[in-house]
Amino acid sequence: MGAMKNIKLEKRDASRRRTTTKARKQADWGEADSGLLAQAVVYVTRDDGAIQFGYSRDGGAYAVRIYENGVGESEYIPPNEDINEYLRGVIEDFRP
């Protein structure tokens, strides 16, 4: 019975840790500069590319998928990083 009780305590502690982890800042595209978003779309799509914006499965990170020549590559940006700085990088990479 004592071993079973310890397992239950460990599960409860693990549950508490998960709750604490989920309490961190969540990604929010509403915080991104709309002008930078528009520029990223313009430059990526200029030569038949495509760009898709979303969130990671758990909603904790920004997800950006860029398609070039029919091949897509996803990037995940943690919410503690500056999403606007990331967008500036995309614009610079695709600027003619």
C-alpha atoms as a PDB file:
ATOM      1  CA  MET A   1       0.000   0.000   0.000  1.00  0.00           C
ATOM      2  CA  GLY A   2       2.903   2.372   0.789  1.00  0.00           C
ATOM      3  CA  ALA A   3       4.383   1.968  -2.702  1.00  0.00           C
ATOM      4  CA  MET A   4       1.017   2.733  -4.293  1.00  0.00           C
ATOM      5  CA  LYS A   5       0.696   5.887  -2.211  1.00  0.00           C
ATOM      6  CA  ASN A   6       4.131   7.109  -3.407  1.00  0.00           C
ATOM      7  CA  ILE A   7       3.135   6.560  -7.047  1.00  0.00           C
ATOM      8  CA  LYS A   8      -0.010   8.634  -6.519  1.00  0.00           C
ATOM      9  CA  LEU A   9       2.039  11.420  -4.936  1.00  0.00           C
ATOM     10  CA  GLU A  10       4.519  11.349  -7.838  1.00  0.00           C
ATOM     11  CA  LYS A  11       1.665  11.582 -10.366  1.00  0.00           C
ATOM     12  CA  ARG A  12       0.165  14.501  -8.478  1.00  0.00           C
ATOM     13  CA  ASP A  13       3.563  16.286  -8.410  1.00  0.00           C
ATOM     14  CA  ALA A  14       3.999  15.683 -12.151  1.00  0.00           C
ATOM     15  CA  SER A  15       0.526  17.097 -12.756  1.00  0.00           C
ATOM     16  CA  ARG A  16       1.430  20.206 -10.773  1.00  0.00           C
ATOM     17  CA  ARG A  17       4.611  20.662 -12.837  1.00  0.00           C
ATOM     18  CA  ARG A  18       2.648  20.413 -16.084  1.00  0.00           C
ATOM     19  CA  THR A  19       0.197  23.026 -14.867  1.00  0.00           C
ATOM     20  CA  THR A  20       3.062  25.334 -13.955  1.00  0.00           C
ATOM     21  CA  THR A  21       4.642  24.845 -17.384  1.00  0.00           C
ATOM     22  CA  LYS A  22       1.389  25.649 -19.196  1.00  0.00           C
ATOM     23  CA  ALA A  23       1.042  28.882 -17.231  1.00  0.00           C
ATOM     24  CA  ARG A  24       3.938  30.417 -19.229  1.00  0.00           C
ATOM     25  CA  LYS A  25       3.264  33.066 -21.864  1.00  0.00           C
ATOM     26  CA  GLN A  26       1.323  31.844 -24.878  1.00  0.00           C
ATOM     27  CA  ALA A  27       2.036  32.926 -28.440  1.00  0.00           C
ATOM     28  CA  ASP A  28      -0.417  35.536 -29.720  1.00  0.00           C
ATOM     29  CA  TRP A  29      -0.367  36.722 -33.344  1.00  0.00           C
ATOM     30  CA  GLY A  30      -2.301  39.780 -32.145  1.00  0.00           C
ATOM     31  CA  GLU A  31       1.000  41.020 -30.713  1.00  0.00           C
ATOM     32  CA  ALA A  32       2.699  40.916 -34.141  1.00  0.00           C
ATOM     33  CA  ASP A  33       3.052  44.145 -36.112  1.00  0.00           C
ATOM     34  CA  SER A  34       0.432  44.038 -38.895  1.00  0.00           C
ATOM     35  CA  GLY A  35       2.716  45.929 -41.293  1.00  0.00           C
ATOM     36  CA  LEU A  36       5.469  43.351 -40.840  1.00  0.00           C
ATOM     37  CA  LEU A  37       2.984  40.514 -41.369  1.00  0.00           C
ATOM     38  CA  ALA A  38       1.803  42.138 -44.604  1.00  0.00           C
ATOM     39  CA  GLN A  39       5.372  42.695 -45.836  1.00  0.00           C
ATOM     40  CA  ALA A  40       6.270  39.071 -45.083  1.00  0.00           C
ATOM     41  CA  VAL A  41       3.300  37.915 -47.175  1.00  0.00           C
ATOM     42  CA  VAL A  42       4.209  40.274 -50.043  1.00  0.00           C
ATOM     43  CA  TYR A  43       7.857  39.223 -50.238  1.00  0.00           C
ATOM     44  CA  VAL A  44       7.372  35.477 -49.712  1.00  0.00           C
ATOM     45  CA  THR A  45       4.550  35.244 -52.265  1.00  0.00           C
ATOM     46  CA  ARG A  46       6.223  37.502 -54.859  1.00  0.00           C
ATOM     47  CA  ASP A  47       7.931  34.534 -56.599  1.00  0.00           C
ATOM     48  CA  ASP A  48       5.152  31.942 -56.227  1.00  0.00           C
ATOM     49  CA  GLY A  49       5.955  31.140 -52.605  1.00  0.00           C
ATOM     50  CA  ALA A  50       3.430  30.857 -49.817  1.00  0.00           C
ATOM     51  CA  ILE A  51       3.447  31.536 -46.090  1.00  0.00           C
ATOM     52  CA  GLN A  52       1.183  30.077 -43.433  1.00  0.00           C
ATOM     53  CA  PHE A  53       0.797  31.391 -39.881  1.00  0.00           C
ATOM     54  CA  GLY A  54      -0.450  29.366 -36.936  1.00  0.00           C
ATOM     55  CA  TYR A  55       0.477  27.950 -33.560  1.00  0.00           C
ATOM     56  CA  SER A  56       2.220  24.823 -32.339  1.00  0.00           C
ATOM     57  CA  ARG A  57      -0.059  21.972 -31.321  1.00  0.00           C
ATOM     58  CA  ASP A  58      -0.038  23.051 -27.693  1.00  0.00           C
ATOM     59  CA  GLY A  59      -0.562  26.709 -28.631  1.00  0.00           C
ATOM     60  CA  GLY A  60       2.609  27.693 -26.824  1.00  0.00           C
ATOM     61  CA  ALA A  61       4.673  28.776 -29.831  1.00  0.00           C
ATOM     62  CA  TYR A  62       4.189  30.603 -33.090  1.00  0.00           C
ATOM     63  CA  ALA A  63       4.278  28.346 -36.147  1.00  0.00           C
ATOM     64  CA  VAL A  64       5.293  29.661 -39.564  1.00  0.00           C
ATOM     65  CA  ARG A  65       5.400  27.468 -42.645  1.00  0.00           C
ATOM     66  CA  ILE A  66       7.041  28.860 -45.767  1.00  0.00           C
ATOM     67  CA  TYR A  67       6.628  27.134 -49.130  1.00  0.00           C
ATOM     68  CA  GLU A  68       9.122  27.549 -51.946  1.00  0.00           C
ATOM     69  CA  ASN A  69       8.870  25.525 -55.162  1.00  0.00           C
ATOM     70  CA  GLY A  70       6.109  23.435 -53.605  1.00  0.00           C
ATOM     71  CA  VAL A  71       8.208  22.413 -50.603  1.00  0.00           C
ATOM     72  CA  GLY A  72       7.207  23.644 -47.165  1.00  0.00           C
ATOM     73  CA  GLU A  73       9.332  24.094 -44.094  1.00  0.00           C
ATOM     74  CA  SER A  74       7.931  24.881 -40.648  1.00  0.00           C
ATOM     75  CA  GLU A  75       9.568  27.008 -37.996  1.00  0.00           C
ATOM     76  CA  TYR A  76       8.450  27.342 -34.390  1.00  0.00           C
ATOM     77  CA  ILE A  77       9.167  30.546 -32.536  1.00  0.00           C
ATOM     78  CA  PRO A  78       8.797  30.500 -28.740  1.00  0.00           C
ATOM     79  CA  PRO A  79       6.611  33.284 -27.329  1.00  0.00           C
ATOM     80  CA  ASN A  80       9.509  34.668 -25.287  1.00  0.00           C
ATOM     81  CA  GLU A  81      11.274  35.578 -28.564  1.00  0.00           C
ATOM     82  CA  ASP A  82      10.366  38.768 -30.438  1.00  0.00           C
ATOM     83  CA  ILE A  83       7.986  37.706 -33.218  1.00  0.00           C
ATOM     84  CA  ASN A  84       8.477  41.047 -34.954  1.00  0.00           C
ATOM     85  CA  GLU A  85      12.228  40.464 -35.126  1.00  0.00           C
ATOM     86  CA  TYR A  86      11.544  37.060 -36.682  1.00  0.00           C
ATOM     87  CA  LEU A  87       9.251  38.678 -39.283  1.00  0.00           C
ATOM     88  CA  ARG A  88      11.951  41.247 -40.099  1.00  0.00           C
ATOM     89  CA  GLY A  89      14.286  38.319 -40.785  1.00  0.00           C
ATOM     90  CA  VAL A  90      11.764  36.684 -43.139  1.00  0.00           C
ATOM     91  CA  ILE A  91      11.330  39.977 -44.989  1.00  0.00           C
ATOM     92  CA  GLU A  92      15.086  40.408 -45.307  1.00  0.00           C
ATOM     93  CA  ASP A  93      15.506  36.820 -46.567  1.00  0.00           C
ATOM     94  CA  PHE A  94      12.908  37.312 -49.328  1.00  0.00           C
ATOM     95  CA  ARG A  95      13.442  40.971 -50.193  1.00  0.00           C
ATOM     96  CA  PRO A  96      14.478  41.306 -53.865  1.00  0.00           C
END
